[in-house]
Amino acid sequence: MPRIHFVVSETAKIAYHAEASRAGKSMGEWMREAADEKLAAARPRKFTVEELARFNAECDARRSDQPEPDWDESRRVIAESRLAGLG
């Protein structure tokens, strides 16, 4: 198995080791899990079919039979929103 070495301060090494010990893991195992979690968090999240179905149902429930405002009205609302954000 390939190895990775990196430089950390003595303080960081002590903190990592203490946290790994609290978790009942070797420092290597703890570091691998931390790196895997960081990678997973950096990837775009994919939704399950159930999550997408729930989202679509929520959107459908909010749908109104009323016509949407005309474009001039939409622009006015957008402009007011921007101005309100500047205050």
Protein backbone atom coordinates (compact mmCIF):
# COMPACT_ATOMS: atom_id res chain seq x y z
CA MET A 1 0.00 0.00 0.00
CA PRO A 2 1.38 3.44 -0.90
CA ARG A 3 2.23 5.81 1.92
CA ILE A 4 1.84 9.55 2.26
CA HIS A 5 4.05 11.64 4.53
CA PHE A 6 3.44 15.26 5.42
CA VAL A 7 4.84 17.77 7.83
CA VAL A 8 2.77 19.02 10.79
CA SER A 9 3.61 20.95 13.91
CA GLU A 10 4.23 19.03 17.11
CA THR A 11 1.06 20.57 18.54
CA ALA A 12 -1.02 19.33 15.61
CA LYS A 13 0.52 15.85 15.87
CA ILE A 14 -0.40 15.67 19.56
CA ALA A 15 -3.94 16.87 18.84
CA TYR A 16 -4.42 14.38 15.98
CA HIS A 17 -3.07 11.52 18.07
CA ALA A 18 -5.28 12.43 21.03
CA GLU A 19 -8.38 12.59 18.86
CA ALA A 20 -7.54 9.26 17.21
CA SER A 21 -7.05 7.68 20.64
CA ARG A 22 -10.41 9.03 21.82
CA ALA A 23 -12.00 7.45 18.76
CA GLY A 24 -10.22 4.16 19.49
CA LYS A 25 -8.30 4.27 16.20
CA SER A 26 -4.73 4.40 15.09
CA MET A 27 -3.60 7.81 13.92
CA GLY A 28 -3.26 6.45 10.37
CA GLU A 29 -6.82 5.10 10.38
CA TRP A 30 -8.13 8.37 11.84
CA MET A 31 -6.25 10.44 9.23
CA ARG A 32 -7.51 8.25 6.35
CA GLU A 33 -11.10 8.65 7.55
CA ALA A 34 -10.66 12.43 7.91
CA ALA A 35 -9.24 12.65 4.38
CA ASP A 36 -12.07 10.49 2.99
CA GLU A 37 -14.66 12.70 4.71
CA LYS A 38 -13.02 15.81 3.24
CA LEU A 39 -13.13 14.27 -0.26
CA ALA A 40 -16.76 13.24 0.11
CA ALA A 41 -17.71 16.75 1.26
CA ALA A 42 -15.95 18.29 -1.75
CA ARG A 43 -17.90 16.22 -4.29
CA PRO A 44 -21.23 17.43 -5.59
CA ARG A 45 -23.98 15.64 -3.71
CA LYS A 46 -26.20 13.37 -5.77
CA PHE A 47 -29.79 13.03 -4.74
CA THR A 48 -31.64 9.75 -4.39
CA VAL A 49 -34.75 9.06 -6.45
CA GLU A 50 -36.81 9.39 -3.26
CA GLU A 51 -35.30 12.81 -2.46
CA LEU A 52 -35.99 14.06 -5.98
CA ALA A 53 -39.57 12.74 -5.87
CA ARG A 54 -40.13 14.48 -2.52
CA PHE A 55 -38.69 17.74 -3.90
CA ASN A 56 -40.91 17.56 -6.98
CA ALA A 57 -43.96 16.88 -4.80
CA GLU A 58 -43.15 19.92 -2.63
CA CYS A 59 -42.79 22.09 -5.74
CA ASP A 60 -46.09 20.78 -7.12
CA ALA A 61 -47.80 21.57 -3.78
CA ARG A 62 -46.62 25.19 -3.98
CA ARG A 63 -47.80 25.58 -7.54
CA SER A 64 -50.64 28.00 -8.03
CA ASP A 65 -53.27 28.17 -10.71
CA GLN A 66 -52.74 31.93 -10.75
CA PRO A 67 -50.87 33.27 -13.78
CA GLU A 68 -47.32 34.39 -13.16
CA PRO A 69 -46.74 38.15 -13.02
CA ASP A 70 -45.76 39.84 -16.24
CA TRP A 71 -42.09 40.56 -16.89
CA ASP A 72 -42.28 44.22 -15.84
CA GLU A 73 -43.70 43.19 -12.46
CA SER A 74 -40.96 40.55 -12.06
CA ARG A 75 -38.25 43.11 -12.82
CA ARG A 76 -39.75 45.53 -10.28
CA VAL A 77 -39.72 42.83 -7.56
CA ILE A 78 -36.11 41.91 -8.39
CA ALA A 79 -35.02 45.56 -8.27
CA GLU A 80 -36.75 46.11 -4.92
CA SER A 81 -35.10 43.00 -3.54
CA ARG A 82 -31.66 44.19 -4.62
CA LEU A 83 -32.23 47.63 -3.11
CA ALA A 84 -33.45 46.09 0.15
CA GLY A 85 -30.24 44.06 0.33
CA LEU A 86 -28.11 47.18 0.12
CA GLY A 87 -29.55 48.69 3.32
